[in-house]
Amino acid sequence: MLTVGIDIGGTKIAGGVVDEHGAVLARVRVATPGGIGEIDAAIVQMVGELRAEHEVAAVGIAAAGFIDRDRSKIYFGVNIPWRNDQMRPRLEQRLGLPLTIENDANAAGWAEYRFGAGRGFAHVVMLTIGTGVGGAVVVGGRLYRGGHGVAGELGHTRHIRDGLPCGCGQRGCIEQYASGRALQRIANEIADAGGIGVGLAAARTERGRLSGQTISELVRQNDPGAREAVRTVASALGESCAQLTASLDPEVFVLGGGVAQLGEHLRAPVEDSYRTHLPARGFRPAAAIAIAELHNDAGLIGAADLARQVRP
């Protein structure tokens, strides 16, 4: 059975036809429009284009927001102004197909559990490390959504009491210390302080504020300052994983999102920090630390597969 997955991001909407093995058979992509009505129209058009060439049974949407437990309403959108938005009934009527909505990190985590770095495990935690930090929890082969549907917001667990202010309204969330935005802040601070080595400081002087791409390039060139910035982020992330182990006891942590494209440069120091901070270390099993395999396709693949699970 084929289904459509739609991944709504702040800058683009990606869609695809996905088969039961997680393969993407066709793709469409558009820039994210400004208003909710325009986003609805874009989704309807994208699904129409995909249906023209493939017979599909259902549609899944991955959205960056808090979704209710019925996967029908978006309580709150992060980058798009959804506020108690009844997306599912509205779009089901326009599409004429069964529709399910899922948080984007949950969708990505489900995809990695089913088809990527988490396959073969029953207990998986995914952390998506992009502009912020998202999370997904799979327990016993089921996506854990919590009592109100909004479980898995792991980026908003506290890392430092009275720490940096966070967009969620609290302070000290791990998102402020282990995200792509945090990596940029730390790298720029190292560069402004004279850096470790000359690479970061020279790039800062030449290019102004350091971008994630510039930092990644310097990391791969083994620049000491850039590597130190990654180690700082990885240390916070590994400590957070150790704390999550105390409550969730996963078999594997999967690291996804843009920062995870650093691969082993990120994974190895995260694992070092995780094992250092693990409660009862040496006397309990430790989780594996893995890099996500599905990259930018994870959201749409996961949304499509969840639509298949919900609407067989």
C-alpha atoms as a PDB file:
ATOM      1  CA  MET A   1       0.000   0.000   0.000  1.00  0.00           C
ATOM      2  CA  LEU A   2       1.347   3.420  -0.974  1.00  0.00           C
ATOM      3  CA  THR A   3       0.895   6.515   1.156  1.00  0.00           C
ATOM      4  CA  VAL A   4       1.908  10.155   0.878  1.00  0.00           C
ATOM      5  CA  GLY A   5       4.136  11.869   3.419  1.00  0.00           C
ATOM      6  CA  ILE A   6       4.264  15.651   3.726  1.00  0.00           C
ATOM      7  CA  ASP A   7       6.951  17.326   5.865  1.00  0.00           C
ATOM      8  CA  ILE A   8       6.175  20.975   6.609  1.00  0.00           C
ATOM      9  CA  GLY A   9       9.243  23.002   7.501  1.00  0.00           C
ATOM     10  CA  GLY A  10       9.772  26.673   8.141  1.00  0.00           C
ATOM     11  CA  THR A  11      11.233  27.264   4.672  1.00  0.00           C
ATOM     12  CA  LYS A  12      10.057  24.315   2.554  1.00  0.00           C
ATOM     13  CA  ILE A  13       7.369  21.671   2.286  1.00  0.00           C
ATOM     14  CA  ALA A  14       8.620  18.301   1.078  1.00  0.00           C
ATOM     15  CA  GLY A  15       6.280  15.572  -0.107  1.00  0.00           C
ATOM     16  CA  GLY A  16       6.655  12.061  -1.411  1.00  0.00           C
ATOM     17  CA  VAL A  17       4.970   8.777  -2.226  1.00  0.00           C
ATOM     18  CA  VAL A  18       6.340   6.094   0.114  1.00  0.00           C
ATOM     19  CA  ASP A  19       5.982   2.328  -0.090  1.00  0.00           C
ATOM     20  CA  GLU A  20       5.749  -0.155   2.778  1.00  0.00           C
ATOM     21  CA  HIS A  21       9.551  -0.562   2.822  1.00  0.00           C
ATOM     22  CA  GLY A  22      10.194   3.155   3.355  1.00  0.00           C
ATOM     23  CA  ALA A  23      11.316   3.825  -0.218  1.00  0.00           C
ATOM     24  CA  VAL A  24      10.374   7.214  -1.687  1.00  0.00           C
ATOM     25  CA  LEU A  25       8.947   6.602  -5.156  1.00  0.00           C
ATOM     26  CA  ALA A  26       8.137  10.191  -6.162  1.00  0.00           C
ATOM     27  CA  ARG A  27       8.864  13.631  -4.729  1.00  0.00           C
ATOM     28  CA  VAL A  28       7.599  17.187  -4.811  1.00  0.00           C
ATOM     29  CA  ARG A  29       8.896  20.246  -2.998  1.00  0.00           C
ATOM     30  CA  VAL A  30       7.732  23.856  -2.659  1.00  0.00           C
ATOM     31  CA  ALA A  31       8.704  26.873  -0.587  1.00  0.00           C
ATOM     32  CA  THR A  32       6.603  27.236   2.559  1.00  0.00           C
ATOM     33  CA  PRO A  33       3.987  29.972   2.007  1.00  0.00           C
ATOM     34  CA  GLY A  34       3.310  32.622   4.611  1.00  0.00           C
ATOM     35  CA  GLY A  35      -0.239  31.866   5.759  1.00  0.00           C
ATOM     36  CA  ILE A  36      -2.080  28.778   6.990  1.00  0.00           C
ATOM     37  CA  GLY A  37      -4.578  28.942   4.143  1.00  0.00           C
ATOM     38  CA  GLU A  38      -1.760  29.072   1.614  1.00  0.00           C
ATOM     39  CA  ILE A  39      -0.047  26.123   3.300  1.00  0.00           C
ATOM     40  CA  ASP A  40      -3.290  24.123   3.077  1.00  0.00           C
ATOM     41  CA  ALA A  41      -3.549  24.956  -0.619  1.00  0.00           C
ATOM     42  CA  ALA A  42       0.050  23.915  -1.225  1.00  0.00           C
ATOM     43  CA  ILE A  43      -0.528  20.569   0.503  1.00  0.00           C
ATOM     44  CA  VAL A  44      -3.673  19.899  -1.544  1.00  0.00           C
ATOM     45  CA  GLN A  45      -1.815  20.693  -4.764  1.00  0.00           C
ATOM     46  CA  MET A  46       1.188  18.527  -3.817  1.00  0.00           C
ATOM     47  CA  VAL A  47      -0.978  15.542  -2.915  1.00  0.00           C
ATOM     48  CA  GLY A  48      -2.890  16.010  -6.175  1.00  0.00           C
ATOM     49  CA  GLU A  49       0.338  15.896  -8.186  1.00  0.00           C
ATOM     50  CA  LEU A  50       1.501  12.759  -6.386  1.00  0.00           C
ATOM     51  CA  ARG A  51      -1.867  11.011  -6.754  1.00  0.00           C
ATOM     52  CA  ALA A  52      -1.883  11.666 -10.474  1.00  0.00           C
ATOM     53  CA  GLU A  53       0.891   9.092 -10.950  1.00  0.00           C
ATOM     54  CA  HIS A  54       0.355   6.751  -7.979  1.00  0.00           C
ATOM     55  CA  GLU A  55      -2.636   5.180  -6.271  1.00  0.00           C
ATOM     56  CA  VAL A  56      -2.323   6.172  -2.611  1.00  0.00           C
ATOM     57  CA  ALA A  57      -4.443   5.145   0.364  1.00  0.00           C
ATOM     58  CA  ALA A  58      -3.716   7.829   2.978  1.00  0.00           C
ATOM     59  CA  VAL A  59      -1.721  10.970   3.756  1.00  0.00           C
ATOM     60  CA  GLY A  60       0.532  11.695   6.727  1.00  0.00           C
ATOM     61  CA  ILE A  61       1.718  15.177   7.644  1.00  0.00           C
ATOM     62  CA  ALA A  62       4.765  15.962   9.786  1.00  0.00           C
ATOM     63  CA  ALA A  63       4.472  19.394  11.398  1.00  0.00           C
ATOM     64  CA  ALA A  64       6.714  21.274  13.828  1.00  0.00           C
ATOM     65  CA  GLY A  65       4.223  21.710  16.622  1.00  0.00           C
ATOM     66  CA  PHE A  66       2.343  20.222  19.569  1.00  0.00           C
ATOM     67  CA  ILE A  67      -0.236  17.740  18.239  1.00  0.00           C
ATOM     68  CA  ASP A  68      -3.201  16.488  20.290  1.00  0.00           C
ATOM     69  CA  ARG A  69      -3.471  12.803  21.182  1.00  0.00           C
ATOM     70  CA  ASP A  70      -6.065  12.198  18.455  1.00  0.00           C
ATOM     71  CA  ARG A  71      -3.523  13.485  15.886  1.00  0.00           C
ATOM     72  CA  SER A  72      -6.154  15.898  14.618  1.00  0.00           C
ATOM     73  CA  LYS A  73      -5.418  19.331  16.068  1.00  0.00           C
ATOM     74  CA  ILE A  74      -2.206  21.339  16.299  1.00  0.00           C
ATOM     75  CA  TYR A  75      -2.176  23.020  19.705  1.00  0.00           C
ATOM     76  CA  PHE A  76       0.800  25.222  18.890  1.00  0.00           C
ATOM     77  CA  GLY A  77       3.130  25.654  15.931  1.00  0.00           C
ATOM     78  CA  VAL A  78       6.778  26.499  16.424  1.00  0.00           C
ATOM     79  CA  ASN A  79       7.573  28.344  13.191  1.00  0.00           C
ATOM     80  CA  ILE A  80       4.064  28.522  11.714  1.00  0.00           C
ATOM     81  CA  PRO A  81       1.211  30.253  13.604  1.00  0.00           C
ATOM     82  CA  TRP A  82      -0.977  27.199  14.203  1.00  0.00           C
ATOM     83  CA  ARG A  83      -3.016  27.807  17.358  1.00  0.00           C
ATOM     84  CA  ASN A  84      -5.565  25.088  18.244  1.00  0.00           C
ATOM     85  CA  ASP A  85      -5.773  24.486  14.519  1.00  0.00           C
ATOM     86  CA  GLN A  86      -8.157  21.715  13.432  1.00  0.00           C
ATOM     87  CA  MET A  87      -5.982  20.642  10.533  1.00  0.00           C
ATOM     88  CA  ARG A  88      -7.068  17.031  10.056  1.00  0.00           C
ATOM     89  CA  PRO A  89     -10.838  17.432   9.514  1.00  0.00           C
ATOM     90  CA  ARG A  90     -10.301  20.472   7.308  1.00  0.00           C
ATOM     91  CA  LEU A  91      -7.746  18.813   5.031  1.00  0.00           C
ATOM     92  CA  GLU A  92      -9.396  15.386   5.011  1.00  0.00           C
ATOM     93  CA  GLN A  93     -12.450  17.030   3.515  1.00  0.00           C
ATOM     94  CA  ARG A  94     -10.391  18.734   0.815  1.00  0.00           C
ATOM     95  CA  LEU A  95      -8.214  15.738   0.020  1.00  0.00           C
ATOM     96  CA  GLY A  96     -10.833  13.011   0.167  1.00  0.00           C
ATOM     97  CA  LEU A  97      -8.268  10.733   1.825  1.00  0.00           C
ATOM     98  CA  PRO A  98      -7.645   9.595   5.401  1.00  0.00           C
ATOM     99  CA  LEU A  99      -5.151  11.940   7.049  1.00  0.00           C
ATOM    100  CA  THR A 100      -2.981  11.753  10.139  1.00  0.00           C
ATOM    101  CA  ILE A 101      -0.807  14.510  11.619  1.00  0.00           C
ATOM    102  CA  GLU A 102       2.359  13.939  13.617  1.00  0.00           C
ATOM    103  CA  ASN A 103       4.994  16.089  15.258  1.00  0.00           C
ATOM    104  CA  ASP A 104       7.931  16.352  12.852  1.00  0.00           C
ATOM    105  CA  ALA A 105      10.505  14.936  15.271  1.00  0.00           C
ATOM    106  CA  ASN A 106       8.168  12.050  16.136  1.00  0.00           C
ATOM    107  CA  ALA A 107       7.746  11.312  12.439  1.00  0.00           C
ATOM    108  CA  ALA A 108      11.510  11.351  11.885  1.00  0.00           C
ATOM    109  CA  GLY A 109      12.075   9.143  14.929  1.00  0.00           C
ATOM    110  CA  TRP A 110       9.481   6.653  13.727  1.00  0.00           C
ATOM    111  CA  ALA A 111      11.141   6.505  10.318  1.00  0.00           C
ATOM    112  CA  GLU A 112      14.537   5.791  11.868  1.00  0.00           C
ATOM    113  CA  TYR A 113      12.975   3.123  14.110  1.00  0.00           C
ATOM    114  CA  ARG A 114      11.278   1.423  11.172  1.00  0.00           C
ATOM    115  CA  PHE A 115      13.793   1.855   8.372  1.00  0.00           C
ATOM    116  CA  GLY A 116      16.954   3.574   9.602  1.00  0.00           C
ATOM    117  CA  ALA A 117      19.465   3.568  12.438  1.00  0.00           C
ATOM    118  CA  GLY A 118      16.906   2.326  14.984  1.00  0.00           C
ATOM    119  CA  ARG A 119      15.702  -0.721  13.074  1.00  0.00           C
ATOM    120  CA  GLY A 120      16.068  -3.949  15.009  1.00  0.00           C
ATOM    121  CA  PHE A 121      15.546  -2.179  18.349  1.00  0.00           C
ATOM    122  CA  ALA A 122      12.277  -1.979  20.295  1.00  0.00           C
ATOM    123  CA  HIS A 123      13.250   0.972  22.533  1.00  0.00           C
ATOM    124  CA  VAL A 124      14.609   3.992  20.674  1.00  0.00           C
ATOM    125  CA  VAL A 125      15.133   7.662  21.508  1.00  0.00           C
ATOM    126  CA  MET A 126      15.831  10.078  18.676  1.00  0.00           C
ATOM    127  CA  LEU A 127      17.189  13.575  19.128  1.00  0.00           C
ATOM    128  CA  THR A 128      16.945  15.880  16.117  1.00  0.00           C
ATOM    129  CA  ILE A 129      19.666  18.491  16.386  1.00  0.00           C
ATOM    130  CA  GLY A 130      18.901  21.371  14.083  1.00  0.00           C
ATOM    131  CA  THR A 131      18.043  24.979  14.824  1.00  0.00           C
ATOM    132  CA  GLY A 132      16.572  23.577  18.036  1.00  0.00           C
ATOM    133  CA  VAL A 133      16.483  20.096  19.568  1.00  0.00           C
ATOM    134  CA  GLY A 134      13.516  17.837  18.942  1.00  0.00           C
ATOM    135  CA  GLY A 135      12.851  14.390  20.291  1.00  0.00           C
ATOM    136  CA  ALA A 136      10.977  11.157  19.716  1.00  0.00           C
ATOM    137  CA  VAL A 137      10.537   8.145  21.987  1.00  0.00           C
ATOM    138  CA  VAL A 138       9.663   4.625  20.838  1.00  0.00           C
ATOM    139  CA  VAL A 139       8.823   2.225  23.663  1.00  0.00           C
ATOM    140  CA  GLY A 140       8.236  -1.436  22.965  1.00  0.00           C
ATOM    141  CA  GLY A 141       7.797  -0.724  19.267  1.00  0.00           C
ATOM    142  CA  ARG A 142       5.194   1.990  19.828  1.00  0.00           C
ATOM    143  CA  LEU A 143       5.613   5.725  19.437  1.00  0.00           C
ATOM    144  CA  TYR A 144       5.142   7.267  22.888  1.00  0.00           C
ATOM    145  CA  ARG A 145       2.926  10.356  22.733  1.00  0.00           C
ATOM    146  CA  GLY A 146       1.916  10.851  26.360  1.00  0.00           C
ATOM    147  CA  GLY A 147      -1.403  11.699  27.952  1.00  0.00           C
ATOM    148  CA  HIS A 148      -2.083  14.809  25.876  1.00  0.00           C
ATOM    149  CA  GLY A 149      -0.161  13.893  22.738  1.00  0.00           C
ATOM    150  CA  VAL A 150       2.850  16.148  23.268  1.00  0.00           C
ATOM    151  CA  ALA A 151       5.436  13.799  24.814  1.00  0.00           C
ATOM    152  CA  GLY A 152       8.943  13.709  23.399  1.00  0.00           C
ATOM    153  CA  GLU A 153       9.787  17.420  23.603  1.00  0.00           C
ATOM    154  CA  LEU A 154      13.218  16.409  24.857  1.00  0.00           C
ATOM    155  CA  GLY A 155      14.894  19.657  23.813  1.00  0.00           C
ATOM    156  CA  HIS A 156      13.029  21.357  26.628  1.00  0.00           C
ATOM    157  CA  THR A 157      14.349  19.231  29.451  1.00  0.00           C
ATOM    158  CA  ARG A 158      16.480  21.374  31.755  1.00  0.00           C
ATOM    159  CA  HIS A 159      20.236  21.226  31.410  1.00  0.00           C
ATOM    160  CA  ILE A 160      21.265  24.158  33.614  1.00  0.00           C
ATOM    161  CA  ARG A 161      19.150  25.684  36.362  1.00  0.00           C
ATOM    162  CA  ASP A 162      18.511  29.401  35.699  1.00  0.00           C
ATOM    163  CA  GLY A 163      20.483  29.039  32.464  1.00  0.00           C
ATOM    164  CA  LEU A 164      20.003  30.688  29.103  1.00  0.00           C
ATOM    165  CA  PRO A 165      16.444  31.766  28.236  1.00  0.00           C
ATOM    166  CA  CYS A 166      14.601  29.463  25.861  1.00  0.00           C
ATOM    167  CA  GLY A 167      11.833  30.129  23.352  1.00  0.00           C
ATOM    168  CA  CYS A 168       9.541  27.837  25.342  1.00  0.00           C
ATOM    169  CA  GLY A 169       9.447  30.432  28.137  1.00  0.00           C
ATOM    170  CA  GLN A 170      11.760  28.604  30.521  1.00  0.00           C
ATOM    171  CA  ARG A 171      15.517  28.816  31.124  1.00  0.00           C
ATOM    172  CA  GLY A 172      18.380  26.367  30.805  1.00  0.00           C
ATOM    173  CA  CYS A 173      16.794  23.934  28.314  1.00  0.00           C
ATOM    174  CA  ILE A 174      19.183  21.559  26.557  1.00  0.00           C
ATOM    175  CA  GLU A 175      18.130  23.179  23.269  1.00  0.00           C
ATOM    176  CA  GLN A 176      20.131  26.257  24.275  1.00  0.00           C
ATOM    177  CA  TYR A 177      23.322  24.212  24.727  1.00  0.00           C
ATOM    178  CA  ALA A 178      23.180  21.370  22.188  1.00  0.00           C
ATOM    179  CA  SER A 179      21.450  22.713  19.069  1.00  0.00           C
ATOM    180  CA  GLY A 180      22.752  24.058  15.780  1.00  0.00           C
ATOM    181  CA  ARG A 181      22.095  27.560  17.060  1.00  0.00           C
ATOM    182  CA  ALA A 182      24.101  26.763  20.201  1.00  0.00           C
ATOM    183  CA  LEU A 183      26.987  25.427  18.093  1.00  0.00           C
ATOM    184  CA  GLN A 184      27.090  28.675  16.135  1.00  0.00           C
ATOM    185  CA  ARG A 185      27.013  30.765  19.309  1.00  0.00           C
ATOM    186  CA  ILE A 186      29.816  28.788  20.944  1.00  0.00           C
ATOM    187  CA  ALA A 187      31.986  28.797  17.805  1.00  0.00           C
ATOM    188  CA  ASN A 188      31.603  32.564  17.440  1.00  0.00           C
ATOM    189  CA  GLU A 189      32.482  33.042  21.116  1.00  0.00           C
ATOM    190  CA  ILE A 190      35.653  30.962  20.662  1.00  0.00           C
ATOM    191  CA  ALA A 191      36.570  32.956  17.552  1.00  0.00           C
ATOM    192  CA  ASP A 192      35.976  36.302  19.286  1.00  0.00           C
ATOM    193  CA  ALA A 193      38.147  35.227  22.204  1.00  0.00           C
ATOM    194  CA  GLY A 194      41.075  34.563  19.898  1.00  0.00           C
ATOM    195  CA  GLY A 195      40.154  30.962  19.365  1.00  0.00           C
ATOM    196  CA  ILE A 196      42.041  27.758  19.660  1.00  0.00           C
ATOM    197  CA  GLY A 197      44.240  27.818  16.593  1.00  0.00           C
ATOM    198  CA  VAL A 198      43.553  30.316  13.837  1.00  0.00           C
ATOM    199  CA  GLY A 199      40.826  28.791  11.657  1.00  0.00           C
ATOM    200  CA  LEU A 200      37.732  30.046  13.457  1.00  0.00           C
ATOM    201  CA  ALA A 201      39.134  33.504  14.127  1.00  0.00           C
ATOM    202  CA  ALA A 202      40.278  33.905  10.521  1.00  0.00           C
ATOM    203  CA  ALA A 203      36.902  32.771   9.168  1.00  0.00           C
ATOM    204  CA  ARG A 204      35.136  35.144  11.573  1.00  0.00           C
ATOM    205  CA  THR A 205      37.233  38.066  10.353  1.00  0.00           C
ATOM    206  CA  GLU A 206      36.727  37.146   6.703  1.00  0.00           C
ATOM    207  CA  ARG A 207      33.041  36.180   6.720  1.00  0.00           C
ATOM    208  CA  GLY A 208      31.512  37.865   9.743  1.00  0.00           C
ATOM    209  CA  ARG A 209      29.255  35.739  11.906  1.00  0.00           C
ATOM    210  CA  LEU A 210      30.137  32.071  11.403  1.00  0.00           C
ATOM    211  CA  SER A 211      27.460  29.946   9.754  1.00  0.00           C
ATOM    212  CA  GLY A 212      26.776  26.301  10.449  1.00  0.00           C
ATOM    213  CA  GLN A 213      28.207  25.413   7.048  1.00  0.00           C
ATOM    214  CA  THR A 214      31.460  27.247   7.758  1.00  0.00           C
ATOM    215  CA  ILE A 215      31.804  25.572  11.146  1.00  0.00           C
ATOM    216  CA  SER A 216      31.162  22.155   9.589  1.00  0.00           C
ATOM    217  CA  GLU A 217      33.828  22.786   6.955  1.00  0.00           C
ATOM    218  CA  LEU A 218      36.341  23.719   9.646  1.00  0.00           C
ATOM    219  CA  VAL A 219      35.447  20.668  11.743  1.00  0.00           C
ATOM    220  CA  ARG A 220      36.136  18.397   8.785  1.00  0.00           C
ATOM    221  CA  GLN A 221      39.466  20.194   8.319  1.00  0.00           C
ATOM    222  CA  ASN A 222      40.253  19.326  11.966  1.00  0.00           C
ATOM    223  CA  ASP A 223      40.394  22.970  12.995  1.00  0.00           C
ATOM    224  CA  PRO A 224      40.993  22.941  16.796  1.00  0.00           C
ATOM    225  CA  GLY A 225      38.559  25.767  17.556  1.00  0.00           C
ATOM    226  CA  ALA A 226      35.735  24.274  15.537  1.00  0.00           C
ATOM    227  CA  ARG A 227      36.358  20.844  17.062  1.00  0.00           C
ATOM    228  CA  GLU A 228      36.244  22.400  20.541  1.00  0.00           C
ATOM    229  CA  ALA A 229      32.869  24.003  19.751  1.00  0.00           C
ATOM    230  CA  VAL A 230      31.513  20.601  18.678  1.00  0.00           C
ATOM    231  CA  ARG A 231      32.925  18.948  21.810  1.00  0.00           C
ATOM    232  CA  THR A 232      31.168  21.529  23.975  1.00  0.00           C
ATOM    233  CA  VAL A 233      27.832  20.819  22.296  1.00  0.00           C
ATOM    234  CA  ALA A 234      28.448  17.067  22.337  1.00  0.00           C
ATOM    235  CA  SER A 235      29.274  17.133  26.049  1.00  0.00           C
ATOM    236  CA  ALA A 236      25.922  18.753  26.853  1.00  0.00           C
ATOM    237  CA  LEU A 237      24.090  16.361  24.556  1.00  0.00           C
ATOM    238  CA  GLY A 238      25.775  13.286  26.011  1.00  0.00           C
ATOM    239  CA  GLU A 239      24.977  14.391  29.549  1.00  0.00           C
ATOM    240  CA  SER A 240      21.350  14.885  28.550  1.00  0.00           C
ATOM    241  CA  CYS A 241      21.245  11.389  27.038  1.00  0.00           C
ATOM    242  CA  ALA A 242      22.602   9.968  30.293  1.00  0.00           C
ATOM    243  CA  GLN A 243      19.817  11.677  32.224  1.00  0.00           C
ATOM    244  CA  LEU A 244      17.207  10.389  29.782  1.00  0.00           C
ATOM    245  CA  THR A 245      18.582   6.868  30.222  1.00  0.00           C
ATOM    246  CA  ALA A 246      17.641   6.994  33.898  1.00  0.00           C
ATOM    247  CA  SER A 247      13.974   7.388  32.996  1.00  0.00           C
ATOM    248  CA  LEU A 248      13.602   5.835  29.532  1.00  0.00           C
ATOM    249  CA  ASP A 249      16.349   3.162  29.357  1.00  0.00           C
ATOM    250  CA  PRO A 250      16.523   3.046  25.536  1.00  0.00           C
ATOM    251  CA  GLU A 251      18.587   0.538  23.609  1.00  0.00           C
ATOM    252  CA  VAL A 252      19.838   3.221  21.213  1.00  0.00           C
ATOM    253  CA  PHE A 253      19.944   6.996  20.877  1.00  0.00           C
ATOM    254  CA  VAL A 254      19.693   8.127  17.263  1.00  0.00           C
ATOM    255  CA  LEU A 255      21.125  11.571  16.495  1.00  0.00           C
ATOM    256  CA  GLY A 256      19.502  13.319  13.530  1.00  0.00           C
ATOM    257  CA  GLY A 257      19.060  16.815  12.144  1.00  0.00           C
ATOM    258  CA  GLY A 258      21.529  19.093  10.421  1.00  0.00           C
ATOM    259  CA  VAL A 259      24.230  18.985  13.109  1.00  0.00           C
ATOM    260  CA  ALA A 260      24.269  15.170  12.971  1.00  0.00           C
ATOM    261  CA  GLN A 261      25.641  15.422   9.441  1.00  0.00           C
ATOM    262  CA  LEU A 262      28.984  15.908  11.199  1.00  0.00           C
ATOM    263  CA  GLY A 263      28.826  12.142  11.712  1.00  0.00           C
ATOM    264  CA  GLU A 264      31.585  10.660  13.824  1.00  0.00           C
ATOM    265  CA  HIS A 265      32.867  14.144  14.722  1.00  0.00           C
ATOM    266  CA  LEU A 266      29.664  14.488  16.760  1.00  0.00           C
ATOM    267  CA  ARG A 267      28.822  10.900  17.660  1.00  0.00           C
ATOM    268  CA  ALA A 268      32.131   9.973  19.324  1.00  0.00           C
ATOM    269  CA  PRO A 269      32.258  12.881  21.831  1.00  0.00           C
ATOM    270  CA  VAL A 270      28.532  12.454  22.564  1.00  0.00           C
ATOM    271  CA  GLU A 271      29.205   8.814  23.435  1.00  0.00           C
ATOM    272  CA  ASP A 272      32.195   9.772  25.619  1.00  0.00           C
ATOM    273  CA  SER A 273      30.102  12.290  27.558  1.00  0.00           C
ATOM    274  CA  TYR A 274      27.164   9.884  27.792  1.00  0.00           C
ATOM    275  CA  ARG A 275      29.268   7.118  29.305  1.00  0.00           C
ATOM    276  CA  THR A 276      30.945   9.559  31.714  1.00  0.00           C
ATOM    277  CA  HIS A 277      27.592  10.822  33.065  1.00  0.00           C
ATOM    278  CA  LEU A 278      25.627   7.556  32.936  1.00  0.00           C
ATOM    279  CA  PRO A 279      24.070   6.744  36.335  1.00  0.00           C
ATOM    280  CA  ALA A 280      25.552   3.573  37.848  1.00  0.00           C
ATOM    281  CA  ARG A 281      28.052   3.465  34.992  1.00  0.00           C
ATOM    282  CA  GLY A 282      29.886   0.203  34.772  1.00  0.00           C
ATOM    283  CA  PHE A 283      27.024  -1.623  36.500  1.00  0.00           C
ATOM    284  CA  ARG A 284      24.243  -1.277  33.916  1.00  0.00           C
ATOM    285  CA  PRO A 285      23.899  -1.664  30.148  1.00  0.00           C
ATOM    286  CA  ALA A 286      24.614   1.486  28.157  1.00  0.00           C
ATOM    287  CA  ALA A 287      22.647   2.506  25.097  1.00  0.00           C
ATOM    288  CA  ALA A 288      24.284   2.636  21.682  1.00  0.00           C
ATOM    289  CA  ILE A 289      24.758   6.067  20.093  1.00  0.00           C
ATOM    290  CA  ALA A 290      24.034   6.140  16.342  1.00  0.00           C
ATOM    291  CA  ILE A 291      23.799   8.721  13.577  1.00  0.00           C
ATOM    292  CA  ALA A 292      20.497   8.866  11.698  1.00  0.00           C
ATOM    293  CA  GLU A 293      20.489   7.272   8.257  1.00  0.00           C
ATOM    294  CA  LEU A 294      17.474   8.803   6.492  1.00  0.00           C
ATOM    295  CA  HIS A 295      18.590  12.449   6.717  1.00  0.00           C
ATOM    296  CA  ASN A 296      16.152  14.956   5.157  1.00  0.00           C
ATOM    297  CA  ASP A 297      13.704  12.240   4.093  1.00  0.00           C
ATOM    298  CA  ALA A 298      13.001  11.034   7.634  1.00  0.00           C
ATOM    299  CA  GLY A 299      10.028  13.332   8.293  1.00  0.00           C
ATOM    300  CA  LEU A 300       8.098  12.521   5.149  1.00  0.00           C
ATOM    301  CA  ILE A 301       8.909   8.785   5.344  1.00  0.00           C
ATOM    302  CA  GLY A 302       7.809   8.624   8.971  1.00  0.00           C
ATOM    303  CA  ALA A 303       4.612  10.592   8.334  1.00  0.00           C
ATOM    304  CA  ALA A 304       3.727   8.356   5.396  1.00  0.00           C
ATOM    305  CA  ASP A 305       4.362   5.187   7.387  1.00  0.00           C
ATOM    306  CA  LEU A 306       2.367   6.423  10.371  1.00  0.00           C
ATOM    307  CA  ALA A 307      -0.530   7.147   8.022  1.00  0.00           C
ATOM    308  CA  ARG A 308      -0.264   3.513   6.906  1.00  0.00           C
ATOM    309  CA  GLN A 309      -0.200   2.289  10.528  1.00  0.00           C
ATOM    310  CA  VAL A 310      -3.203   4.371  11.559  1.00  0.00           C
ATOM    311  CA  ARG A 311      -5.207   3.838   8.379  1.00  0.00           C
ATOM    312  CA  PRO A 312      -4.521   0.308   7.100  1.00  0.00           C
END
